[in-house]
């Protein structure tokens, strides 16, 4: 007889890009690795990073992420010239995935954005999204639906108390 086992969360979320769901429609999500240096992974594990203004571009068959802010630890012996706060970090994706994403970007007008940075087991990975930008009317409709859900939950909560 099989036990009713629940799936455990085996990753740790380092940082999220919360504005991405407000500004974009996310069509697909991909999980990919990062090509990092030693001091960068130490800083990421101590949560000294930000992916808020980052975006992804594809050049010469490789995917890169730009705008990831990784601050070094205080106790590192790095000089100010030996690290860059915001450098192009290569993403580790399969060639088929890169070609598929490149086709979507060039033909259908999608964008690649960073959604969240996670530590999965001992590996640092980033979840990227194939996204289409929202217009102002779409943002207003989403905000209206969110407010209605909150109000509806309050009404139901108060009606069951009586």
N, C-alpha and C. Protein backbone atom coordinates (compact mmCIF):
# COMPACT_ATOMS: atom_id res chain seq x y z
N UNK A 1 0.84 -1.18 0.00
CA UNK A 1 0.00 0.00 0.00
C UNK A 1 0.89 1.25 0.00
N UNK A 2 0.53 2.20 -0.85
CA UNK A 2 1.30 3.43 -0.95
C UNK A 2 0.90 4.40 0.14
N UNK A 3 1.89 5.06 0.67
CA UNK A 3 1.60 6.10 1.65
C UNK A 3 1.17 7.36 0.93
N UNK A 4 0.33 8.11 1.56
CA UNK A 4 -0.11 9.38 1.00
C UNK A 4 0.95 10.43 1.35
N UNK A 5 1.93 10.54 0.48
CA UNK A 5 3.02 11.46 0.77
C UNK A 5 2.79 12.79 0.07
N UNK A 6 3.10 13.84 0.77
CA UNK A 6 3.00 15.17 0.21
C UNK A 6 4.35 15.54 -0.40
N UNK A 7 4.30 16.31 -1.49
CA UNK A 7 5.54 16.76 -2.09
C UNK A 7 6.14 17.86 -1.22
N UNK A 8 7.42 17.70 -0.93
CA UNK A 8 8.10 18.69 -0.12
C UNK A 8 8.67 19.78 -1.00
N UNK A 9 8.70 20.96 -0.47
CA UNK A 9 9.30 22.08 -1.16
C UNK A 9 10.82 21.98 -0.96
N UNK A 10 11.52 21.67 -2.03
CA UNK A 10 12.94 21.44 -1.91
C UNK A 10 13.75 22.57 -2.54
N UNK A 11 13.19 23.76 -2.51
CA UNK A 11 13.94 24.91 -2.97
C UNK A 11 13.68 26.09 -2.04
N UNK A 12 14.58 27.05 -2.08
CA UNK A 12 14.50 28.24 -1.25
C UNK A 12 14.44 29.45 -2.15
N UNK A 13 13.41 30.25 -2.03
CA UNK A 13 13.29 31.45 -2.86
C UNK A 13 14.14 32.56 -2.28
N UNK A 14 15.08 33.05 -3.08
CA UNK A 14 15.98 34.12 -2.64
C UNK A 14 15.32 35.49 -2.85
N UNK A 15 14.85 35.76 -4.06
CA UNK A 15 14.15 37.02 -4.31
C UNK A 15 13.16 36.82 -5.45
N UNK A 16 12.13 37.67 -5.46
CA UNK A 16 11.08 37.62 -6.47
C UNK A 16 10.96 38.97 -7.15
N UNK A 17 10.49 38.94 -8.37
CA UNK A 17 10.17 40.15 -9.10
C UNK A 17 8.65 40.30 -9.05
N UNK A 18 8.16 41.00 -8.05
CA UNK A 18 6.72 41.08 -7.81
C UNK A 18 6.00 41.92 -8.87
N UNK A 19 6.67 42.88 -9.43
CA UNK A 19 6.03 43.74 -10.44
C UNK A 19 5.83 43.02 -11.76
N UNK A 20 6.50 41.91 -11.98
CA UNK A 20 6.40 41.24 -13.27
C UNK A 20 4.99 40.75 -13.55
N UNK A 21 4.27 40.28 -12.55
CA UNK A 21 2.91 39.80 -12.77
C UNK A 21 1.93 40.95 -12.95
N UNK A 22 2.29 42.13 -12.46
CA UNK A 22 1.43 43.30 -12.65
C UNK A 22 1.63 43.91 -14.03
N UNK A 23 2.87 43.90 -14.52
CA UNK A 23 3.18 44.56 -15.78
C UNK A 23 3.12 43.65 -17.00
N UNK A 24 3.07 42.34 -16.82
CA UNK A 24 3.13 41.41 -17.95
C UNK A 24 2.13 40.28 -17.79
N UNK A 25 1.69 39.74 -18.94
CA UNK A 25 0.99 38.45 -18.98
C UNK A 25 2.08 37.40 -19.14
N UNK A 26 2.16 36.44 -18.23
CA UNK A 26 3.19 35.40 -18.29
C UNK A 26 2.59 34.21 -19.03
N UNK A 27 3.18 33.86 -20.18
CA UNK A 27 2.67 32.74 -20.96
C UNK A 27 3.31 31.42 -20.52
N UNK A 28 4.63 31.39 -20.44
CA UNK A 28 5.35 30.17 -20.08
C UNK A 28 6.44 30.51 -19.08
N UNK A 29 6.81 29.51 -18.28
CA UNK A 29 7.89 29.67 -17.31
C UNK A 29 8.97 28.64 -17.60
N UNK A 30 10.22 29.06 -17.42
CA UNK A 30 11.36 28.17 -17.60
C UNK A 30 12.28 28.29 -16.39
N UNK A 31 12.85 27.19 -16.00
CA UNK A 31 13.84 27.18 -14.91
C UNK A 31 15.19 26.91 -15.54
N UNK A 32 16.15 27.79 -15.28
CA UNK A 32 17.46 27.61 -15.89
C UNK A 32 18.55 27.97 -14.88
N UNK A 33 19.71 27.43 -15.12
CA UNK A 33 20.85 27.67 -14.26
C UNK A 33 21.55 28.96 -14.61
N UNK A 34 22.46 29.35 -13.75
CA UNK A 34 23.24 30.57 -13.93
C UNK A 34 24.72 30.24 -13.90
N UNK A 35 25.49 30.93 -14.70
CA UNK A 35 26.94 30.79 -14.67
C UNK A 35 27.49 31.88 -13.76
N UNK A 36 27.82 31.50 -12.52
CA UNK A 36 28.20 32.47 -11.51
C UNK A 36 29.65 32.29 -11.07
N UNK A 37 30.18 33.31 -10.44
CA UNK A 37 31.50 33.24 -9.82
C UNK A 37 31.32 32.87 -8.35
N UNK A 38 32.42 32.54 -7.68
CA UNK A 38 32.35 32.08 -6.29
C UNK A 38 31.79 33.10 -5.34
N UNK A 39 32.23 34.35 -5.45
CA UNK A 39 31.76 35.37 -4.54
C UNK A 39 30.28 35.68 -4.79
N UNK A 40 29.82 35.48 -6.04
CA UNK A 40 28.43 35.77 -6.36
C UNK A 40 27.49 34.77 -5.68
N UNK A 41 27.86 33.50 -5.70
CA UNK A 41 26.99 32.51 -5.08
C UNK A 41 26.96 32.68 -3.56
N UNK A 42 28.07 33.11 -2.98
CA UNK A 42 28.08 33.37 -1.54
C UNK A 42 27.16 34.54 -1.20
N UNK A 43 27.19 35.56 -2.04
CA UNK A 43 26.32 36.71 -1.81
C UNK A 43 24.85 36.35 -2.02
N UNK A 44 24.58 35.50 -2.99
CA UNK A 44 23.21 35.08 -3.25
C UNK A 44 22.69 34.26 -2.07
N UNK A 45 23.52 33.39 -1.52
CA UNK A 45 23.08 32.59 -0.38
C UNK A 45 22.81 33.45 0.85
N UNK A 46 23.49 34.59 0.95
CA UNK A 46 23.22 35.49 2.06
C UNK A 46 22.17 36.54 1.69
N UNK A 47 21.48 36.33 0.56
CA UNK A 47 20.36 37.16 0.10
C UNK A 47 20.73 38.62 -0.13
N UNK A 48 21.87 38.84 -0.74
CA UNK A 48 22.30 40.20 -1.06
C UNK A 48 22.16 40.44 -2.56
N UNK A 49 20.98 40.18 -3.08
CA UNK A 49 20.75 40.28 -4.52
C UNK A 49 19.37 40.86 -4.82
N UNK A 50 19.21 41.36 -6.04
CA UNK A 50 17.96 41.95 -6.48
C UNK A 50 17.80 41.71 -7.98
N UNK A 51 16.64 41.25 -8.41
CA UNK A 51 16.38 41.01 -9.84
C UNK A 51 15.27 41.91 -10.37
N UNK A 52 14.99 42.99 -9.68
CA UNK A 52 13.84 43.82 -10.02
C UNK A 52 13.93 44.43 -11.42
N UNK A 53 15.05 44.98 -11.80
CA UNK A 53 15.19 45.67 -13.09
C UNK A 53 15.91 44.82 -14.13
N UNK A 54 15.85 43.52 -14.00
CA UNK A 54 16.61 42.67 -14.91
C UNK A 54 15.77 42.23 -16.10
N UNK A 55 16.45 41.94 -17.18
CA UNK A 55 15.81 41.40 -18.38
C UNK A 55 16.78 40.45 -19.06
N UNK A 56 16.27 39.70 -20.03
CA UNK A 56 17.06 38.66 -20.67
C UNK A 56 17.13 38.94 -22.16
N UNK A 57 18.30 38.76 -22.74
CA UNK A 57 18.45 38.87 -24.18
C UNK A 57 19.23 37.67 -24.69
N UNK A 58 19.07 37.40 -25.99
CA UNK A 58 19.74 36.27 -26.62
C UNK A 58 20.67 36.82 -27.70
N UNK A 59 21.94 36.43 -27.61
CA UNK A 59 22.93 36.87 -28.58
C UNK A 59 23.87 35.71 -28.90
N UNK A 60 24.06 35.46 -30.19
CA UNK A 60 24.98 34.43 -30.70
C UNK A 60 24.69 33.05 -30.11
N UNK A 61 23.43 32.72 -29.97
CA UNK A 61 23.05 31.40 -29.48
C UNK A 61 23.14 31.20 -27.99
N UNK A 62 23.38 32.26 -27.23
CA UNK A 62 23.45 32.18 -25.77
C UNK A 62 22.47 33.17 -25.17
N UNK A 63 21.90 32.81 -24.04
CA UNK A 63 20.98 33.69 -23.32
C UNK A 63 21.73 34.34 -22.16
N UNK A 64 21.54 35.64 -21.97
CA UNK A 64 22.18 36.39 -20.91
C UNK A 64 21.13 37.16 -20.14
N UNK A 65 21.39 37.34 -18.86
CA UNK A 65 20.53 38.17 -18.03
C UNK A 65 21.32 39.42 -17.64
N UNK A 66 20.67 40.56 -17.74
CA UNK A 66 21.30 41.85 -17.46
C UNK A 66 20.54 42.54 -16.35
N UNK A 67 21.23 43.22 -15.49
CA UNK A 67 20.58 44.03 -14.47
C UNK A 67 20.39 43.34 -13.14
N UNK A 68 20.96 42.16 -12.96
CA UNK A 68 20.88 41.50 -11.66
C UNK A 68 21.90 42.17 -10.74
N UNK A 69 21.43 42.69 -9.64
CA UNK A 69 22.31 43.37 -8.71
C UNK A 69 22.75 42.39 -7.62
N UNK A 70 24.05 42.06 -7.62
CA UNK A 70 24.61 41.18 -6.60
C UNK A 70 25.67 41.97 -5.86
N UNK A 71 25.40 42.26 -4.59
CA UNK A 71 26.36 43.01 -3.78
C UNK A 71 27.30 42.04 -3.08
N UNK A 72 28.59 42.31 -3.07
CA UNK A 72 29.53 41.39 -2.41
C UNK A 72 29.39 41.45 -0.89
N UNK A 73 29.83 40.41 -0.26
CA UNK A 73 29.83 40.37 1.20
C UNK A 73 30.86 41.37 1.73
N UNK A 74 30.68 41.78 2.97
CA UNK A 74 31.59 42.75 3.55
C UNK A 74 32.97 42.16 3.80
N UNK A 75 33.02 40.88 4.09
CA UNK A 75 34.29 40.29 4.47
C UNK A 75 35.07 39.71 3.29
N UNK A 76 34.67 40.05 2.05
CA UNK A 76 35.42 39.56 0.91
C UNK A 76 36.66 40.42 0.68
N UNK A 77 37.66 39.82 0.10
CA UNK A 77 38.90 40.55 -0.17
C UNK A 77 38.95 41.01 -1.62
N UNK A 78 37.80 41.28 -2.21
CA UNK A 78 37.74 41.73 -3.59
C UNK A 78 38.00 43.23 -3.65
N UNK A 79 38.80 43.63 -4.62
CA UNK A 79 38.95 45.06 -4.84
C UNK A 79 37.77 45.55 -5.67
N UNK A 80 37.60 46.82 -5.75
CA UNK A 80 36.43 47.35 -6.46
C UNK A 80 36.51 47.09 -7.96
N UNK A 81 37.71 46.84 -8.50
CA UNK A 81 37.85 46.58 -9.93
C UNK A 81 37.60 45.11 -10.28
N UNK A 82 37.70 44.21 -9.33
CA UNK A 82 37.64 42.79 -9.64
C UNK A 82 36.22 42.26 -9.75
N UNK A 83 35.22 43.04 -9.38
CA UNK A 83 33.84 42.59 -9.55
C UNK A 83 33.03 43.73 -10.14
N UNK A 84 31.99 43.33 -10.85
CA UNK A 84 31.03 44.29 -11.36
C UNK A 84 29.71 44.01 -10.67
N UNK A 85 29.06 45.05 -10.21
CA UNK A 85 27.78 44.88 -9.52
C UNK A 85 26.73 44.32 -10.47
N UNK A 86 26.67 44.84 -11.68
CA UNK A 86 25.69 44.38 -12.66
C UNK A 86 26.43 43.95 -13.91
N UNK A 87 26.65 42.65 -14.06
CA UNK A 87 27.31 42.14 -15.25
C UNK A 87 26.36 41.22 -15.99
N UNK A 88 26.67 40.91 -17.23
CA UNK A 88 25.87 39.98 -18.01
C UNK A 88 26.17 38.57 -17.54
N UNK A 89 25.18 37.89 -17.02
CA UNK A 89 25.34 36.53 -16.51
C UNK A 89 24.72 35.58 -17.52
N UNK A 90 25.48 34.57 -17.90
CA UNK A 90 24.99 33.62 -18.88
C UNK A 90 24.00 32.65 -18.26
N UNK A 91 22.90 32.41 -18.97
CA UNK A 91 21.89 31.45 -18.54
C UNK A 91 22.17 30.11 -19.19
N UNK A 92 21.95 29.04 -18.44
CA UNK A 92 22.22 27.70 -18.93
C UNK A 92 20.92 27.07 -19.39
N UNK A 93 20.68 27.15 -20.70
CA UNK A 93 19.50 26.59 -21.33
C UNK A 93 19.93 25.68 -22.47
N UNK A 94 19.05 24.74 -22.85
CA UNK A 94 19.32 23.89 -23.99
C UNK A 94 19.19 24.69 -25.27
N UNK A 95 19.86 24.24 -26.33
CA UNK A 95 19.85 24.93 -27.60
C UNK A 95 18.44 25.00 -28.19
N UNK A 96 17.65 23.94 -28.02
CA UNK A 96 16.27 23.94 -28.53
C UNK A 96 15.43 24.99 -27.82
N UNK A 97 15.62 25.12 -26.51
CA UNK A 97 14.87 26.12 -25.76
C UNK A 97 15.25 27.53 -26.18
N UNK A 98 16.54 27.75 -26.40
CA UNK A 98 16.99 29.08 -26.83
C UNK A 98 16.42 29.42 -28.19
N UNK A 99 16.44 28.46 -29.12
CA UNK A 99 15.89 28.71 -30.46
C UNK A 99 14.39 28.96 -30.41
N UNK A 100 13.67 28.23 -29.57
CA UNK A 100 12.23 28.43 -29.42
C UNK A 100 11.95 29.84 -28.85
N UNK A 101 12.69 30.22 -27.82
CA UNK A 101 12.49 31.54 -27.21
C UNK A 101 12.85 32.66 -28.18
N UNK A 102 13.91 32.46 -28.95
CA UNK A 102 14.32 33.46 -29.93
C UNK A 102 13.24 33.66 -30.99
N UNK A 103 12.60 32.57 -31.43
CA UNK A 103 11.50 32.68 -32.39
C UNK A 103 10.32 33.43 -31.81
N UNK A 104 9.98 33.15 -30.56
CA UNK A 104 8.85 33.84 -29.92
C UNK A 104 9.13 35.33 -29.76
N UNK A 105 10.38 35.66 -29.40
CA UNK A 105 10.74 37.06 -29.19
C UNK A 105 10.71 37.83 -30.51
N UNK A 106 11.31 37.26 -31.54
CA UNK A 106 11.46 38.00 -32.79
C UNK A 106 10.15 38.06 -33.60
N UNK A 107 9.36 36.99 -33.60
CA UNK A 107 8.17 36.96 -34.45
C UNK A 107 6.91 37.43 -33.74
N UNK A 108 6.72 37.04 -32.52
CA UNK A 108 5.45 37.30 -31.86
C UNK A 108 5.50 38.43 -30.84
N UNK A 109 6.65 39.05 -30.63
CA UNK A 109 6.73 40.22 -29.78
C UNK A 109 6.72 39.96 -28.29
N UNK A 110 7.15 38.80 -27.88
CA UNK A 110 7.23 38.49 -26.45
C UNK A 110 8.53 39.04 -25.87
N UNK A 111 8.60 39.09 -24.54
CA UNK A 111 9.80 39.50 -23.82
C UNK A 111 10.18 38.39 -22.86
N UNK A 112 11.44 38.36 -22.48
CA UNK A 112 11.91 37.43 -21.46
C UNK A 112 12.24 38.22 -20.22
N UNK A 113 11.61 37.86 -19.10
CA UNK A 113 11.86 38.57 -17.85
C UNK A 113 12.16 37.56 -16.74
N UNK A 114 12.87 38.03 -15.74
CA UNK A 114 13.19 37.20 -14.58
C UNK A 114 12.04 37.27 -13.58
N UNK A 115 11.58 36.10 -13.14
CA UNK A 115 10.47 36.05 -12.18
C UNK A 115 10.96 35.85 -10.76
N UNK A 116 11.87 34.89 -10.55
CA UNK A 116 12.39 34.67 -9.21
C UNK A 116 13.73 33.96 -9.28
N UNK A 117 14.49 34.12 -8.22
CA UNK A 117 15.81 33.50 -8.07
C UNK A 117 15.70 32.51 -6.92
N UNK A 118 16.07 31.25 -7.17
CA UNK A 118 15.89 30.20 -6.17
C UNK A 118 17.18 29.42 -5.97
N UNK A 119 17.29 28.79 -4.81
CA UNK A 119 18.33 27.80 -4.55
C UNK A 119 17.65 26.45 -4.50
N UNK A 120 17.99 25.60 -5.45
CA UNK A 120 17.38 24.28 -5.55
C UNK A 120 18.46 23.27 -5.25
N UNK A 121 18.29 22.58 -4.11
CA UNK A 121 19.33 21.72 -3.56
C UNK A 121 20.57 22.57 -3.35
N UNK A 122 21.65 22.35 -4.09
CA UNK A 122 22.84 23.19 -3.91
C UNK A 122 23.08 24.09 -5.11
N UNK A 123 22.11 24.16 -6.03
CA UNK A 123 22.27 24.91 -7.26
C UNK A 123 21.46 26.19 -7.22
N UNK A 124 22.02 27.25 -7.79
CA UNK A 124 21.30 28.51 -7.92
C UNK A 124 20.64 28.53 -9.29
N UNK A 125 19.33 28.73 -9.31
CA UNK A 125 18.58 28.74 -10.55
C UNK A 125 17.70 29.97 -10.59
N UNK A 126 17.31 30.33 -11.81
CA UNK A 126 16.42 31.47 -11.99
C UNK A 126 15.22 31.00 -12.80
N UNK A 127 14.06 31.48 -12.42
CA UNK A 127 12.84 31.17 -13.16
C UNK A 127 12.55 32.37 -14.05
N UNK A 128 12.53 32.12 -15.36
CA UNK A 128 12.28 33.19 -16.31
C UNK A 128 10.91 32.96 -16.94
N UNK A 129 10.32 34.03 -17.42
CA UNK A 129 9.00 33.94 -18.01
C UNK A 129 8.96 34.54 -19.40
N UNK A 130 8.24 33.87 -20.27
CA UNK A 130 7.96 34.39 -21.61
C UNK A 130 6.72 35.26 -21.44
N UNK A 131 6.85 36.56 -21.63
CA UNK A 131 5.81 37.49 -21.22
C UNK A 131 5.42 38.46 -22.33
N UNK A 132 4.19 38.91 -22.25
CA UNK A 132 3.67 39.93 -23.15
C UNK A 132 3.24 41.10 -22.28
N UNK A 133 3.58 42.31 -22.66
CA UNK A 133 3.28 43.48 -21.85
C UNK A 133 1.80 43.79 -21.75
N UNK A 134 1.39 44.29 -20.59
CA UNK A 134 0.01 44.69 -20.37
C UNK A 134 -0.15 46.16 -20.71
N UNK A 135 -1.34 46.49 -21.15
CA UNK A 135 -1.69 47.89 -21.37
C UNK A 135 -2.33 48.41 -20.08
N UNK A 136 -2.52 49.72 -20.01
CA UNK A 136 -3.08 50.32 -18.79
C UNK A 136 -4.47 49.79 -18.48
N UNK A 137 -5.29 49.56 -19.51
CA UNK A 137 -6.65 49.06 -19.27
C UNK A 137 -6.59 47.66 -18.67
N UNK A 138 -5.63 46.83 -19.11
CA UNK A 138 -5.49 45.50 -18.53
C UNK A 138 -5.09 45.57 -17.07
N UNK A 139 -4.21 46.49 -16.73
CA UNK A 139 -3.77 46.65 -15.35
C UNK A 139 -4.94 47.09 -14.46
N UNK A 140 -5.78 47.98 -14.99
CA UNK A 140 -6.93 48.44 -14.20
C UNK A 140 -7.93 47.30 -13.98
N UNK A 141 -8.13 46.48 -15.00
CA UNK A 141 -9.06 45.35 -14.85
C UNK A 141 -8.52 44.36 -13.82
N UNK A 142 -7.23 44.08 -13.86
CA UNK A 142 -6.64 43.15 -12.88
C UNK A 142 -6.76 43.71 -11.46
N UNK A 143 -6.52 45.01 -11.31
CA UNK A 143 -6.63 45.64 -10.00
C UNK A 143 -8.08 45.59 -9.49
N UNK A 144 -9.02 45.80 -10.39
CA UNK A 144 -10.44 45.75 -10.03
C UNK A 144 -10.83 44.33 -9.59
N UNK A 145 -10.38 43.32 -10.32
CA UNK A 145 -10.68 41.94 -9.95
C UNK A 145 -10.05 41.56 -8.62
N UNK A 146 -8.85 42.04 -8.36
CA UNK A 146 -8.18 41.76 -7.10
C UNK A 146 -8.95 42.37 -5.93
N UNK A 147 -9.38 43.62 -6.08
CA UNK A 147 -10.15 44.28 -5.02
C UNK A 147 -11.48 43.58 -4.80
N UNK A 148 -12.12 43.08 -5.87
CA UNK A 148 -13.38 42.38 -5.72
C UNK A 148 -13.18 41.07 -4.97
N UNK A 149 -12.09 40.34 -5.27
CA UNK A 149 -11.82 39.09 -4.55
C UNK A 149 -11.63 39.35 -3.06
N UNK A 150 -10.91 40.41 -2.71
CA UNK A 150 -10.70 40.74 -1.30
C UNK A 150 -12.01 41.09 -0.63
N UNK A 151 -12.84 41.91 -1.28
CA UNK A 151 -14.13 42.29 -0.72
C UNK A 151 -15.05 41.08 -0.57
N UNK A 152 -15.05 40.22 -1.57
CA UNK A 152 -15.89 39.02 -1.53
C UNK A 152 -15.49 38.11 -0.37
N UNK A 153 -14.19 37.94 -0.16
CA UNK A 153 -13.73 37.12 0.96
C UNK A 153 -14.12 37.71 2.30
N UNK A 154 -14.08 39.03 2.43
CA UNK A 154 -14.51 39.69 3.67
C UNK A 154 -15.99 39.48 3.92
N UNK A 155 -16.79 39.56 2.86
CA UNK A 155 -18.23 39.39 2.99
C UNK A 155 -18.55 37.97 3.45
N UNK A 156 -17.92 36.98 2.80
CA UNK A 156 -18.17 35.59 3.17
C UNK A 156 -17.68 35.29 4.57
N UNK A 157 -16.55 35.87 4.95
CA UNK A 157 -16.01 35.62 6.28
C UNK A 157 -16.95 36.16 7.35
N UNK A 158 -17.48 37.36 7.13
CA UNK A 158 -18.40 37.97 8.10
C UNK A 158 -19.76 37.28 8.11
N UNK A 159 -20.20 36.73 6.98
CA UNK A 159 -21.50 36.08 6.95
C UNK A 159 -21.51 34.74 7.69
N UNK A 160 -20.37 34.06 7.73
CA UNK A 160 -20.31 32.77 8.45
C UNK A 160 -20.10 32.93 9.94
N UNK A 161 -19.68 34.11 10.40
CA UNK A 161 -19.50 34.33 11.84
C UNK A 161 -20.83 34.41 12.56
N UNK A 162 -21.86 34.93 11.90
CA UNK A 162 -23.16 35.13 12.55
C UNK A 162 -23.89 33.87 12.73
